[in-house]
Amino acid sequence: MRIPGQIVDEIVAHAREDAPNECCGLIGGVDGEATRVIRVTNIAASPLRFEMDSIEQKKAMDALEEAGEPTIAHYHSHTGSAAFPSQTDVNQAAIVADFLGDFVYVIASVAEETPEVRGFWIRDGEISEETLDVV
């Protein structure tokens, strides 16, 4: 997935602002290139997991679709661990796929001073990395 550095910066800023809790949101795009992020409230308000506010998530997905930039990824942060899917992320991905389809999961770790941002596919409990081509 191609992703502008500005979008990576927006995600990292969101992660830092919401720390110590995880943040979350959606990434819209066209032809595998990210074009926009929309923040969504983490109603879990937890440093260990996220749960998108369903009303905000639906409005964000609709807005992206109407703009011709459908949702191509979800993002969230890890505030105390590396940018790699946790078991909670894997379990949640199975539920999301049933209702919303298949997305890249972008994880921004702000556990260290230098942030780490990586992308993953989580399908049927299996994790595979999606290269993020930062442009």
N, C-alpha and C. Protein backbone atom coordinates (compact mmCIF):
# COMPACT_ATOMS: atom_id res chain seq x y z
N MET A 1 0.85 -1.17 0.00
CA MET A 1 0.00 0.00 0.00
C MET A 1 0.90 1.23 0.00
N ARG A 2 0.62 2.16 -0.88
CA ARG A 2 1.34 3.44 -0.90
C ARG A 2 0.64 4.38 0.08
N ILE A 3 1.46 5.07 0.87
CA ILE A 3 0.89 5.96 1.88
C ILE A 3 1.77 7.20 2.00
N PRO A 4 1.19 8.36 1.79
CA PRO A 4 1.97 9.59 1.93
C PRO A 4 2.51 9.76 3.36
N GLY A 5 3.71 10.32 3.46
CA GLY A 5 4.30 10.59 4.75
C GLY A 5 3.42 11.44 5.63
N GLN A 6 2.67 12.36 5.03
CA GLN A 6 1.76 13.23 5.79
C GLN A 6 0.69 12.40 6.50
N ILE A 7 0.19 11.35 5.85
CA ILE A 7 -0.82 10.50 6.48
C ILE A 7 -0.20 9.71 7.63
N VAL A 8 1.02 9.20 7.42
CA VAL A 8 1.72 8.51 8.51
C VAL A 8 1.88 9.47 9.69
N ASP A 9 2.27 10.70 9.41
CA ASP A 9 2.44 11.70 10.47
C ASP A 9 1.12 11.97 11.20
N GLU A 10 0.00 12.01 10.46
CA GLU A 10 -1.31 12.23 11.09
C GLU A 10 -1.66 11.09 12.03
N ILE A 11 -1.38 9.87 11.62
CA ILE A 11 -1.68 8.70 12.44
C ILE A 11 -0.82 8.71 13.71
N VAL A 12 0.46 8.99 13.55
CA VAL A 12 1.36 9.05 14.71
C VAL A 12 0.93 10.17 15.66
N ALA A 13 0.55 11.32 15.12
CA ALA A 13 0.09 12.42 15.97
C ALA A 13 -1.16 12.00 16.76
N HIS A 14 -2.08 11.32 16.09
CA HIS A 14 -3.29 10.84 16.76
C HIS A 14 -2.91 9.87 17.88
N ALA A 15 -1.97 8.97 17.59
CA ALA A 15 -1.54 7.99 18.59
C ALA A 15 -0.95 8.68 19.81
N ARG A 16 -0.13 9.67 19.58
CA ARG A 16 0.51 10.39 20.69
C ARG A 16 -0.51 11.19 21.50
N GLU A 17 -1.48 11.79 20.81
CA GLU A 17 -2.50 12.59 21.49
C GLU A 17 -3.38 11.72 22.39
N ASP A 18 -3.70 10.52 21.93
CA ASP A 18 -4.61 9.66 22.69
C ASP A 18 -3.90 8.80 23.74
N ALA A 19 -2.57 8.74 23.69
CA ALA A 19 -1.82 7.94 24.67
C ALA A 19 -2.12 8.45 26.07
N PRO A 20 -2.25 7.58 27.05
CA PRO A 20 -1.82 6.19 27.00
C PRO A 20 -2.82 5.23 26.37
N ASN A 21 -4.00 5.71 25.97
CA ASN A 21 -4.98 4.84 25.35
C ASN A 21 -4.67 4.66 23.87
N GLU A 22 -5.15 3.56 23.31
CA GLU A 22 -5.01 3.34 21.88
C GLU A 22 -5.94 4.29 21.13
N CYS A 23 -5.51 4.70 19.95
CA CYS A 23 -6.37 5.49 19.06
C CYS A 23 -6.80 4.57 17.92
N CYS A 24 -7.75 5.05 17.12
CA CYS A 24 -8.19 4.27 15.97
C CYS A 24 -8.82 5.19 14.92
N GLY A 25 -8.91 4.67 13.71
CA GLY A 25 -9.51 5.42 12.63
C GLY A 25 -9.48 4.65 11.33
N LEU A 26 -9.88 5.33 10.27
CA LEU A 26 -9.98 4.72 8.95
C LEU A 26 -9.08 5.45 7.97
N ILE A 27 -8.64 4.72 6.97
CA ILE A 27 -7.84 5.28 5.89
C ILE A 27 -8.58 5.04 4.59
N GLY A 28 -8.84 6.12 3.86
CA GLY A 28 -9.48 6.02 2.56
C GLY A 28 -8.42 6.06 1.48
N GLY A 29 -8.77 5.53 0.32
CA GLY A 29 -7.79 5.56 -0.75
C GLY A 29 -8.35 5.12 -2.08
N VAL A 30 -7.47 5.20 -3.07
CA VAL A 30 -7.83 4.83 -4.44
C VAL A 30 -6.68 4.00 -5.01
N ASP A 31 -7.03 2.87 -5.61
CA ASP A 31 -6.05 2.01 -6.27
C ASP A 31 -4.85 1.68 -5.39
N GLY A 32 -5.12 1.34 -4.13
CA GLY A 32 -4.06 0.94 -3.21
C GLY A 32 -3.21 2.06 -2.67
N GLU A 33 -3.61 3.31 -2.91
CA GLU A 33 -2.87 4.45 -2.37
C GLU A 33 -3.75 5.20 -1.38
N ALA A 34 -3.23 5.37 -0.16
CA ALA A 34 -3.95 6.09 0.87
C ALA A 34 -4.06 7.56 0.49
N THR A 35 -5.25 8.11 0.68
CA THR A 35 -5.48 9.51 0.34
C THR A 35 -5.94 10.36 1.52
N ARG A 36 -6.48 9.69 2.55
CA ARG A 36 -7.06 10.47 3.65
C ARG A 36 -7.26 9.59 4.87
N VAL A 37 -7.15 10.19 6.06
CA VAL A 37 -7.49 9.49 7.30
C VAL A 37 -8.66 10.20 7.96
N ILE A 38 -9.45 9.42 8.65
CA ILE A 38 -10.54 9.96 9.47
C ILE A 38 -10.42 9.32 10.84
N ARG A 39 -10.27 10.15 11.85
CA ARG A 39 -10.22 9.66 13.22
C ARG A 39 -11.58 9.17 13.66
N VAL A 40 -11.56 8.10 14.46
CA VAL A 40 -12.78 7.56 15.05
C VAL A 40 -12.50 7.39 16.55
N THR A 41 -13.46 7.72 17.37
CA THR A 41 -13.30 7.61 18.81
C THR A 41 -13.15 6.16 19.24
N ASN A 42 -12.16 5.91 20.10
CA ASN A 42 -11.99 4.60 20.72
C ASN A 42 -12.86 4.59 21.97
N ILE A 43 -14.04 3.97 21.86
CA ILE A 43 -14.95 3.99 23.00
C ILE A 43 -14.49 3.06 24.13
N ALA A 44 -13.52 2.19 23.85
CA ALA A 44 -12.96 1.35 24.91
C ALA A 44 -12.09 2.18 25.84
N ALA A 45 -11.55 3.29 25.33
CA ALA A 45 -10.68 4.18 26.12
C ALA A 45 -9.69 3.36 26.94
N SER A 46 -8.94 2.51 26.23
CA SER A 46 -8.05 1.56 26.89
C SER A 46 -6.66 1.59 26.27
N PRO A 47 -5.62 1.38 27.07
CA PRO A 47 -4.27 1.26 26.52
C PRO A 47 -4.00 -0.12 25.94
N LEU A 48 -4.96 -1.05 26.06
CA LEU A 48 -4.74 -2.43 25.62
C LEU A 48 -5.58 -2.86 24.43
N ARG A 49 -6.59 -2.07 24.09
CA ARG A 49 -7.44 -2.45 22.96
C ARG A 49 -8.21 -1.22 22.47
N PHE A 50 -8.80 -1.38 21.30
CA PHE A 50 -9.64 -0.30 20.78
C PHE A 50 -10.97 -0.87 20.34
N GLU A 51 -11.96 -0.01 20.36
CA GLU A 51 -13.28 -0.33 19.83
C GLU A 51 -13.81 0.94 19.19
N MET A 52 -13.94 0.91 17.88
CA MET A 52 -14.41 2.11 17.17
C MET A 52 -15.86 2.40 17.52
N ASP A 53 -16.15 3.67 17.74
CA ASP A 53 -17.53 4.10 17.90
C ASP A 53 -18.25 3.76 16.61
N SER A 54 -19.27 2.91 16.68
CA SER A 54 -19.90 2.38 15.47
C SER A 54 -20.59 3.45 14.64
N ILE A 55 -21.17 4.45 15.28
CA ILE A 55 -21.84 5.52 14.53
C ILE A 55 -20.81 6.35 13.78
N GLU A 56 -19.73 6.74 14.48
CA GLU A 56 -18.66 7.50 13.82
C GLU A 56 -18.03 6.69 12.69
N GLN A 57 -17.83 5.40 12.94
CA GLN A 57 -17.21 4.54 11.92
C GLN A 57 -18.08 4.49 10.66
N LYS A 58 -19.38 4.32 10.85
CA LYS A 58 -20.30 4.25 9.69
C LYS A 58 -20.29 5.58 8.94
N LYS A 59 -20.35 6.70 9.67
CA LYS A 59 -20.33 8.01 9.01
C LYS A 59 -19.02 8.22 8.25
N ALA A 60 -17.91 7.80 8.85
CA ALA A 60 -16.60 7.95 8.19
C ALA A 60 -16.53 7.09 6.93
N MET A 61 -17.00 5.86 7.03
CA MET A 61 -16.97 4.98 5.85
C MET A 61 -17.86 5.53 4.73
N ASP A 62 -19.02 6.04 5.10
CA ASP A 62 -19.92 6.64 4.11
C ASP A 62 -19.29 7.86 3.47
N ALA A 63 -18.65 8.72 4.28
CA ALA A 63 -18.01 9.93 3.75
C ALA A 63 -16.89 9.56 2.78
N LEU A 64 -16.10 8.56 3.13
CA LEU A 64 -15.03 8.13 2.23
C LEU A 64 -15.60 7.58 0.93
N GLU A 65 -16.62 6.77 1.04
CA GLU A 65 -17.25 6.19 -0.16
C GLU A 65 -17.82 7.28 -1.06
N GLU A 66 -18.52 8.24 -0.45
CA GLU A 66 -19.12 9.34 -1.23
C GLU A 66 -18.06 10.19 -1.92
N ALA A 67 -16.88 10.29 -1.31
CA ALA A 67 -15.80 11.08 -1.90
C ALA A 67 -15.00 10.29 -2.94
N GLY A 68 -15.40 9.04 -3.17
CA GLY A 68 -14.67 8.21 -4.13
C GLY A 68 -13.35 7.69 -3.59
N GLU A 69 -13.24 7.69 -2.25
CA GLU A 69 -12.03 7.21 -1.57
C GLU A 69 -12.44 6.14 -0.56
N PRO A 70 -12.88 4.98 -1.02
CA PRO A 70 -13.39 3.98 -0.08
C PRO A 70 -12.35 3.57 0.95
N THR A 71 -12.83 3.00 2.04
CA THR A 71 -11.95 2.54 3.12
C THR A 71 -11.04 1.43 2.60
N ILE A 72 -9.73 1.66 2.71
CA ILE A 72 -8.78 0.63 2.31
C ILE A 72 -8.01 0.08 3.52
N ALA A 73 -8.11 0.76 4.66
CA ALA A 73 -7.40 0.30 5.85
C ALA A 73 -8.04 0.86 7.11
N HIS A 74 -7.84 0.12 8.18
CA HIS A 74 -8.13 0.60 9.53
C HIS A 74 -6.80 0.89 10.16
N TYR A 75 -6.74 1.85 11.07
CA TYR A 75 -5.50 2.04 11.81
C TYR A 75 -5.81 2.10 13.30
N HIS A 76 -4.81 1.72 14.08
CA HIS A 76 -4.88 1.91 15.52
C HIS A 76 -3.46 1.96 16.06
N SER A 77 -3.35 2.33 17.31
CA SER A 77 -2.02 2.46 17.90
C SER A 77 -1.78 1.38 18.95
N HIS A 78 -0.51 1.15 19.19
CA HIS A 78 -0.06 0.36 20.33
C HIS A 78 0.81 1.31 21.15
N THR A 79 0.42 1.52 22.37
CA THR A 79 1.13 2.49 23.20
C THR A 79 2.19 1.86 24.09
N GLY A 80 2.14 0.55 24.22
CA GLY A 80 3.11 -0.12 25.08
C GLY A 80 3.77 -1.32 24.44
N SER A 81 3.53 -1.54 23.16
CA SER A 81 4.11 -2.69 22.48
C SER A 81 4.43 -2.33 21.03
N ALA A 82 5.10 -3.26 20.37
CA ALA A 82 5.54 -3.05 18.99
C ALA A 82 4.36 -2.98 18.02
N ALA A 83 4.64 -2.50 16.83
CA ALA A 83 3.63 -2.41 15.76
C ALA A 83 3.48 -3.78 15.11
N PHE A 84 2.81 -4.67 15.82
CA PHE A 84 2.51 -6.02 15.34
C PHE A 84 1.19 -6.43 15.95
N PRO A 85 0.32 -7.10 15.17
CA PRO A 85 -1.00 -7.44 15.70
C PRO A 85 -0.93 -8.30 16.97
N SER A 86 -1.70 -7.89 17.95
CA SER A 86 -1.85 -8.67 19.18
C SER A 86 -2.90 -9.76 18.95
N GLN A 87 -3.02 -10.67 19.89
CA GLN A 87 -4.07 -11.68 19.78
C GLN A 87 -5.44 -11.02 19.78
N THR A 88 -5.59 -9.95 20.55
CA THR A 88 -6.85 -9.20 20.54
C THR A 88 -7.14 -8.65 19.16
N ASP A 89 -6.12 -8.11 18.47
CA ASP A 89 -6.29 -7.60 17.11
C ASP A 89 -6.73 -8.71 16.16
N VAL A 90 -6.11 -9.87 16.29
CA VAL A 90 -6.45 -11.02 15.43
C VAL A 90 -7.90 -11.44 15.66
N ASN A 91 -8.30 -11.53 16.91
CA ASN A 91 -9.67 -11.92 17.24
C ASN A 91 -10.67 -10.89 16.71
N GLN A 92 -10.35 -9.62 16.86
CA GLN A 92 -11.24 -8.55 16.42
C GLN A 92 -11.34 -8.52 14.89
N ALA A 93 -10.24 -8.81 14.20
CA ALA A 93 -10.24 -8.80 12.73
C ALA A 93 -11.23 -9.81 12.17
N ALA A 94 -11.38 -10.93 12.81
CA ALA A 94 -12.33 -11.95 12.34
C ALA A 94 -13.76 -11.42 12.39
N ILE A 95 -14.07 -10.69 13.43
CA ILE A 95 -15.41 -10.11 13.57
C ILE A 95 -15.62 -9.01 12.53
N VAL A 96 -14.63 -8.14 12.37
CA VAL A 96 -14.71 -7.03 11.41
C VAL A 96 -14.90 -7.57 10.00
N ALA A 97 -14.15 -8.59 9.63
CA ALA A 97 -14.23 -9.15 8.28
C ALA A 97 -15.63 -9.65 7.96
N ASP A 98 -16.30 -10.24 8.94
CA ASP A 98 -17.66 -10.74 8.73
C ASP A 98 -18.65 -9.63 8.40
N PHE A 99 -18.44 -8.45 8.97
CA PHE A 99 -19.40 -7.36 8.80
C PHE A 99 -18.97 -6.31 7.78
N LEU A 100 -17.67 -6.02 7.72
CA LEU A 100 -17.22 -4.89 6.93
C LEU A 100 -16.29 -5.25 5.78
N GLY A 101 -15.84 -6.48 5.72
CA GLY A 101 -14.93 -6.87 4.65
C GLY A 101 -13.49 -6.92 5.11
N ASP A 102 -12.61 -7.04 4.15
CA ASP A 102 -11.19 -7.26 4.38
C ASP A 102 -10.43 -5.95 4.21
N PHE A 103 -9.62 -5.59 5.20
CA PHE A 103 -8.87 -4.35 5.18
C PHE A 103 -7.44 -4.59 5.61
N VAL A 104 -6.56 -3.70 5.19
CA VAL A 104 -5.22 -3.65 5.76
C VAL A 104 -5.36 -3.05 7.16
N TYR A 105 -4.60 -3.59 8.10
CA TYR A 105 -4.56 -3.04 9.45
C TYR A 105 -3.24 -2.32 9.61
N VAL A 106 -3.30 -1.02 9.78
CA VAL A 106 -2.10 -0.21 10.00
C VAL A 106 -1.97 -0.01 11.51
N ILE A 107 -0.80 -0.36 12.03
CA ILE A 107 -0.56 -0.23 13.47
C ILE A 107 0.60 0.74 13.68
N ALA A 108 0.35 1.74 14.50
CA ALA A 108 1.37 2.73 14.85
C ALA A 108 1.77 2.52 16.30
N SER A 109 3.01 2.09 16.51
CA SER A 109 3.51 1.94 17.87
C SER A 109 4.20 3.23 18.30
N VAL A 110 3.78 3.72 19.45
CA VAL A 110 4.44 4.89 20.05
C VAL A 110 5.03 4.51 21.40
N ALA A 111 5.37 3.21 21.53
CA ALA A 111 5.94 2.70 22.77
C ALA A 111 7.35 3.22 22.99
N GLU A 112 8.05 3.51 21.90
CA GLU A 112 9.41 4.04 21.97
C GLU A 112 9.40 5.48 21.46
N GLU A 113 10.49 6.18 21.65
CA GLU A 113 10.57 7.57 21.21
C GLU A 113 10.37 7.69 19.70
N THR A 114 10.97 6.79 18.95
CA THR A 114 10.79 6.78 17.49
C THR A 114 9.60 5.89 17.15
N PRO A 115 8.56 6.44 16.55
CA PRO A 115 7.38 5.63 16.25
C PRO A 115 7.67 4.59 15.17
N GLU A 116 6.90 3.53 15.21
CA GLU A 116 6.99 2.46 14.22
C GLU A 116 5.59 2.28 13.62
N VAL A 117 5.49 2.32 12.29
CA VAL A 117 4.20 2.17 11.63
C VAL A 117 4.32 1.06 10.59
N ARG A 118 3.46 0.05 10.72
CA ARG A 118 3.50 -1.11 9.82
C ARG A 118 2.08 -1.49 9.43
N GLY A 119 1.96 -2.20 8.31
CA GLY A 119 0.67 -2.66 7.83
C GLY A 119 0.59 -4.17 7.78
N PHE A 120 -0.62 -4.70 7.98
CA PHE A 120 -0.82 -6.15 8.01
C PHE A 120 -2.18 -6.53 7.43
N TRP A 121 -2.22 -7.71 6.85
CA TRP A 121 -3.48 -8.38 6.53
C TRP A 121 -3.68 -9.39 7.65
N ILE A 122 -4.89 -9.48 8.14
CA ILE A 122 -5.23 -10.50 9.14
C ILE A 122 -6.42 -11.26 8.57
N ARG A 123 -6.14 -12.47 8.11
CA ARG A 123 -7.17 -13.28 7.46
C ARG A 123 -7.21 -14.67 8.07
N ASP A 124 -8.38 -15.07 8.51
CA ASP A 124 -8.56 -16.40 9.09
C ASP A 124 -7.53 -16.68 10.19
N GLY A 125 -7.25 -15.68 11.00
CA GLY A 125 -6.32 -15.84 12.10
C GLY A 125 -4.85 -15.79 11.72
N GLU A 126 -4.58 -15.63 10.43
CA GLU A 126 -3.20 -15.58 9.94
C GLU A 126 -2.79 -14.13 9.68
N ILE A 127 -1.57 -13.80 10.05
CA ILE A 127 -1.03 -12.45 9.89
C ILE A 127 0.00 -12.46 8.78
N SER A 128 -0.14 -11.53 7.83
CA SER A 128 0.90 -11.34 6.82
C SER A 128 1.14 -9.83 6.68
N GLU A 129 2.40 -9.49 6.52
CA GLU A 129 2.73 -8.06 6.45
C GLU A 129 2.41 -7.49 5.08
N GLU A 130 1.87 -6.30 5.09
CA GLU A 130 1.62 -5.49 3.89
C GLU A 130 2.67 -4.39 3.89
N THR A 131 3.48 -4.36 2.88
CA THR A 131 4.50 -3.32 2.80
C THR A 131 3.84 -1.96 2.66
N LEU A 132 4.26 -1.04 3.52
CA LEU A 132 3.79 0.34 3.42
C LEU A 132 4.87 1.12 2.68
N ASP A 133 4.54 1.54 1.48
CA ASP A 133 5.45 2.33 0.66
C ASP A 133 5.18 3.79 0.97
N VAL A 134 5.99 4.36 1.88
CA VAL A 134 5.79 5.74 2.32
C VAL A 134 6.37 6.66 1.27
N VAL A 135 5.51 7.54 0.73
CA VAL A 135 5.93 8.47 -0.34
C VAL A 135 5.80 9.91 0.10
